[in-house]
Amino acid sequence: ALGLAMVRQFAAAAGSGAPGAGKHTFAAIFFGANDATAPDFFVHVPLEEYGKHLSEMISISKAALPEITLLLISPPPVDGDSLNSHPWYVEGGRSQELTGAYAEECGRVAQAEGVLFL
């Protein structure tokens, strides 16, 4: 939901008529690292909802700036050993398998929406 609010704010500013507004030619959307946590973690977003949010972010951006080039960036790989070495980390919240599913969903959305994907 935070990402959607940020994209809505970006889109509103782009169409505001303020100096420099509407001159954006490229934007990267990089969400999912926190979403891709175990379902009992407070920042978790279900995979289907994550994909819907990405599609909505793309639609909002394209509506505000039809000529913009968009890049979806997948959630980064998880280094479980490094995470587990931190005393603040609760083991089991993140995994390469879970993050991989979110990365795949990000790629699927990018292909369906016709935007770049990394």
Foldseek 3Di string as FASTA:
>chain_A
DVLLVVLLVLLCQLQVPPVPRLVAAEDEDEDDQQCLWPPVDPSHDDLVVLLVSVLSSVVSNCVSHVNHAYEYEAHDADDQVVQVVDPPHDPRTHHRVSSVSSLVSSVVSCVVSVHHYD
